[in-house]
Amino acid sequence: MQQVIDVPECDFCHSIDLILFYDKPSGLIVQCAECGYSRVPANVHLSSDSITLLAG
C-alpha cells in the first residue's frame, strides 16, 4: 500500500529540516540541515511549506 507523506523528510536520517537551493551545475538541490545528505528534489519537496528556500 502506498503511503502519503505530508511533510518531506531526509532519505538518510529522516529529519524534516530540509533546505532547497539552486546550484549552477546541478540545478535545484534539497539538502538535509542535520546530516548534509543532498538529492534532486521531488514534487513533494517543491510543494512543501516546511522547506527553507535559499535564494542567492
Protein backbone atom coordinates (compact mmCIF):
# COMPACT_ATOMS: atom_id res chain seq x y z
CA MET A 1 0.00 0.00 0.00
CA GLN A 2 1.29 3.46 -0.89
CA GLN A 3 1.86 5.91 1.97
CA VAL A 4 1.16 9.62 1.59
CA ILE A 5 3.89 11.83 3.08
CA ASP A 6 2.57 15.18 4.35
CA VAL A 7 5.99 16.52 5.35
CA PRO A 8 9.03 15.58 3.25
CA GLU A 9 11.95 14.09 5.14
CA CYS A 10 15.60 13.20 4.55
CA ASP A 11 16.03 9.79 2.90
CA PHE A 12 19.08 9.10 5.06
CA CYS A 13 18.34 10.33 8.62
CA HIS A 14 14.59 11.08 8.32
CA SER A 15 14.95 14.67 9.56
CA ILE A 16 12.33 17.15 8.34
CA ASP A 17 14.79 20.08 8.46
CA LEU A 18 15.46 20.42 4.70
CA ILE A 19 16.87 23.26 2.61
CA LEU A 20 16.08 23.83 -1.08
CA PHE A 21 18.72 25.69 -3.07
CA TYR A 22 19.92 26.22 -6.63
CA ASP A 23 23.39 25.15 -7.75
CA LYS A 24 24.50 26.23 -11.26
CA PRO A 25 26.00 22.89 -12.37
CA SER A 26 23.37 20.66 -10.73
CA GLY A 27 20.19 22.76 -10.69
CA LEU A 28 17.77 22.51 -7.77
CA ILE A 29 19.04 20.54 -4.76
CA VAL A 30 17.36 19.53 -1.49
CA GLN A 31 19.83 19.20 1.39
CA CYS A 32 19.28 17.96 4.94
CA ALA A 33 20.36 20.55 7.51
CA GLU A 34 21.25 17.82 10.03
CA CYS A 35 23.32 15.24 8.12
CA GLY A 36 24.08 17.08 4.87
CA TYR A 37 22.57 14.43 2.56
CA SER A 38 21.51 16.07 -0.70
CA ARG A 39 19.47 14.98 -3.69
CA VAL A 40 17.42 16.24 -6.61
CA PRO A 41 14.04 17.43 -5.29
CA ALA A 42 10.80 15.57 -5.99
CA ASN A 43 7.38 17.18 -6.41
CA VAL A 44 6.67 16.72 -2.69
CA HIS A 45 9.73 18.87 -1.88
CA LEU A 46 8.73 21.69 -4.24
CA SER A 47 5.17 21.98 -2.94
CA SER A 48 6.06 21.88 0.77
CA ASP A 49 5.77 24.90 3.07
CA SER A 50 8.15 23.34 5.61
CA ILE A 51 11.32 23.56 3.46
CA THR A 52 13.60 26.59 3.74
CA LEU A 53 14.33 28.21 0.36
CA LEU A 54 17.76 29.80 -0.02
CA ALA A 55 17.92 32.37 -2.80
CA GLY A 56 21.26 33.75 -3.78
